[in-house]
Amino acid sequence: MNVSTNQSRGRFEAVCSHLFAASTVLFLLGGAVIVICQIVLMVVGKGLMAMDVAEAVGPYAFGVSSIAGLLAFVLTYFHKGASRDGED
């Protein structure tokens, strides 16, 4: 492999890694928004509104979690030769 291929692979891995981190944070925040809003709305007796929050935010949170999952899958290919914890 020549140097430019290694550099482009390193850049691609870095981009995937940053996108994975960002999408993971976004889907965790989306999930937290759903849960916290539902808890608050249930406590104040607005159960139907709690369902509306899940319907409004859910598709975005689930979509971003799918992106995070796909990026995690892609990132496993960069670490095929690396040793795993507990293995020598």
C-alpha atoms as a PDB file:
ATOM      1  CA  MET A   1       0.000   0.000   0.000  1.00  0.00           C
ATOM      2  CA  ASN A   2       1.330   3.407  -0.813  1.00  0.00           C
ATOM      3  CA  VAL A   3       1.391   6.371   1.515  1.00  0.00           C
ATOM      4  CA  SER A   4      -1.570   8.204  -0.038  1.00  0.00           C
ATOM      5  CA  THR A   5      -3.805   5.138   0.403  1.00  0.00           C
ATOM      6  CA  ASN A   6      -2.848   4.915   4.079  1.00  0.00           C
ATOM      7  CA  GLN A   7      -3.522   8.612   4.556  1.00  0.00           C
ATOM      8  CA  SER A   8      -6.901   8.469   2.845  1.00  0.00           C
ATOM      9  CA  ARG A   9      -7.826   5.373   4.873  1.00  0.00           C
ATOM     10  CA  GLY A  10      -6.758   7.208   8.042  1.00  0.00           C
ATOM     11  CA  ARG A  11      -8.864  10.215   7.091  1.00  0.00           C
ATOM     12  CA  PHE A  12     -11.866   8.025   6.282  1.00  0.00           C
ATOM     13  CA  GLU A  13     -11.493   6.231   9.602  1.00  0.00           C
ATOM     14  CA  ALA A  14     -11.224   9.560  11.430  1.00  0.00           C
ATOM     15  CA  VAL A  15     -14.353  10.897   9.702  1.00  0.00           C
ATOM     16  CA  CYS A  16     -16.278   7.700  10.505  1.00  0.00           C
ATOM     17  CA  SER A  17     -15.077   7.824  14.091  1.00  0.00           C
ATOM     18  CA  HIS A  18     -16.154  11.440  14.552  1.00  0.00           C
ATOM     19  CA  LEU A  19     -19.519  10.807  12.898  1.00  0.00           C
ATOM     20  CA  PHE A  20     -20.019   7.755  15.130  1.00  0.00           C
ATOM     21  CA  ALA A  21     -19.274   9.804  18.250  1.00  0.00           C
ATOM     22  CA  ALA A  22     -21.608  12.605  17.160  1.00  0.00           C
ATOM     23  CA  SER A  23     -24.445  10.255  16.208  1.00  0.00           C
ATOM     24  CA  THR A  24     -24.080   8.339  19.471  1.00  0.00           C
ATOM     25  CA  VAL A  25     -24.339  11.542  21.499  1.00  0.00           C
ATOM     26  CA  LEU A  26     -27.325  12.707  19.434  1.00  0.00           C
ATOM     27  CA  PHE A  27     -29.264   9.484  19.814  1.00  0.00           C
ATOM     28  CA  LEU A  28     -28.559   9.374  23.550  1.00  0.00           C
ATOM     29  CA  LEU A  29     -29.779  12.961  23.877  1.00  0.00           C
ATOM     30  CA  GLY A  30     -32.861  12.168  21.788  1.00  0.00           C
ATOM     31  CA  GLY A  31     -33.652   9.176  23.972  1.00  0.00           C
ATOM     32  CA  ALA A  32     -33.118  11.227  27.105  1.00  0.00           C
ATOM     33  CA  VAL A  33     -35.448  13.946  25.816  1.00  0.00           C
ATOM     34  CA  ILE A  34     -38.150  11.352  25.163  1.00  0.00           C
ATOM     35  CA  VAL A  35     -37.819   9.716  28.570  1.00  0.00           C
ATOM     36  CA  ILE A  36     -37.502  12.911  30.608  1.00  0.00           C
ATOM     37  CA  CYS A  37     -40.412  14.585  28.832  1.00  0.00           C
ATOM     38  CA  GLN A  38     -42.558  11.495  29.275  1.00  0.00           C
ATOM     39  CA  ILE A  39     -41.761  11.306  32.986  1.00  0.00           C
ATOM     40  CA  VAL A  40     -42.571  14.983  33.519  1.00  0.00           C
ATOM     41  CA  LEU A  41     -45.761  14.805  31.461  1.00  0.00           C
ATOM     42  CA  MET A  42     -46.937  11.650  33.224  1.00  0.00           C
ATOM     43  CA  VAL A  43     -46.347  13.255  36.629  1.00  0.00           C
ATOM     44  CA  VAL A  44     -48.424  16.295  35.663  1.00  0.00           C
ATOM     45  CA  GLY A  45     -51.161  14.088  34.201  1.00  0.00           C
ATOM     46  CA  LYS A  46     -50.651  14.731  30.495  1.00  0.00           C
ATOM     47  CA  GLY A  47     -50.310  11.131  29.301  1.00  0.00           C
ATOM     48  CA  LEU A  48     -51.488  11.795  25.752  1.00  0.00           C
ATOM     49  CA  MET A  49     -48.930  14.565  25.387  1.00  0.00           C
ATOM     50  CA  ALA A  50     -46.232  12.119  26.481  1.00  0.00           C
ATOM     51  CA  MET A  51     -47.159   9.888  23.560  1.00  0.00           C
ATOM     52  CA  ASP A  52     -46.969  12.877  21.224  1.00  0.00           C
ATOM     53  CA  VAL A  53     -43.412  13.604  22.369  1.00  0.00           C
ATOM     54  CA  ALA A  54     -42.365  10.037  21.576  1.00  0.00           C
ATOM     55  CA  GLU A  55     -44.008  10.241  18.158  1.00  0.00           C
ATOM     56  CA  ALA A  56     -42.332  13.563  17.392  1.00  0.00           C
ATOM     57  CA  VAL A  57     -38.790  12.892  18.636  1.00  0.00           C
ATOM     58  CA  GLY A  58     -38.677   9.104  18.246  1.00  0.00           C
ATOM     59  CA  PRO A  59     -38.077   8.860  14.491  1.00  0.00           C
ATOM     60  CA  TYR A  60     -35.104  11.216  14.725  1.00  0.00           C
ATOM     61  CA  ALA A  61     -33.581   9.443  17.719  1.00  0.00           C
ATOM     62  CA  PHE A  62     -34.083   6.018  16.140  1.00  0.00           C
ATOM     63  CA  GLY A  63     -32.745   7.218  12.786  1.00  0.00           C
ATOM     64  CA  VAL A  64     -29.595   8.609  14.365  1.00  0.00           C
ATOM     65  CA  SER A  65     -29.148   5.413  16.387  1.00  0.00           C
ATOM     66  CA  SER A  66     -29.297   3.444  13.130  1.00  0.00           C
ATOM     67  CA  ILE A  67     -26.584   5.641  11.673  1.00  0.00           C
ATOM     68  CA  ALA A  68     -24.468   5.082  14.794  1.00  0.00           C
ATOM     69  CA  GLY A  69     -24.927   1.332  14.467  1.00  0.00           C
ATOM     70  CA  LEU A  70     -23.890   1.330  10.812  1.00  0.00           C
ATOM     71  CA  LEU A  71     -20.845   3.460  11.563  1.00  0.00           C
ATOM     72  CA  ALA A  72     -19.882   1.119  14.402  1.00  0.00           C
ATOM     73  CA  PHE A  73     -20.061  -1.753  11.922  1.00  0.00           C
ATOM     74  CA  VAL A  74     -17.841   0.126   9.455  1.00  0.00           C
ATOM     75  CA  LEU A  75     -15.338   0.948  12.193  1.00  0.00           C
ATOM     76  CA  THR A  76     -14.899  -2.748  13.043  1.00  0.00           C
ATOM     77  CA  TYR A  77     -13.215  -3.232   9.669  1.00  0.00           C
ATOM     78  CA  PHE A  78     -10.429  -0.844  10.630  1.00  0.00           C
ATOM     79  CA  HIS A  79      -9.537  -2.947  13.675  1.00  0.00           C
ATOM     80  CA  LYS A  80      -9.510  -6.445  12.146  1.00  0.00           C
ATOM     81  CA  GLY A  81      -5.819  -7.015  12.916  1.00  0.00           C
ATOM     82  CA  ALA A  82      -5.877  -5.497  16.402  1.00  0.00           C
ATOM     83  CA  SER A  83      -5.758  -7.852  19.368  1.00  0.00           C
ATOM     84  CA  ARG A  84      -8.835  -8.068  21.563  1.00  0.00           C
ATOM     85  CA  ASP A  85      -8.907  -7.673  25.315  1.00  0.00           C
ATOM     86  CA  GLY A  86      -7.923 -10.907  27.030  1.00  0.00           C
ATOM     87  CA  GLU A  87      -6.445 -12.462  23.895  1.00  0.00           C
ATOM     88  CA  ASP A  88      -2.760 -12.780  23.181  1.00  0.00           C
END
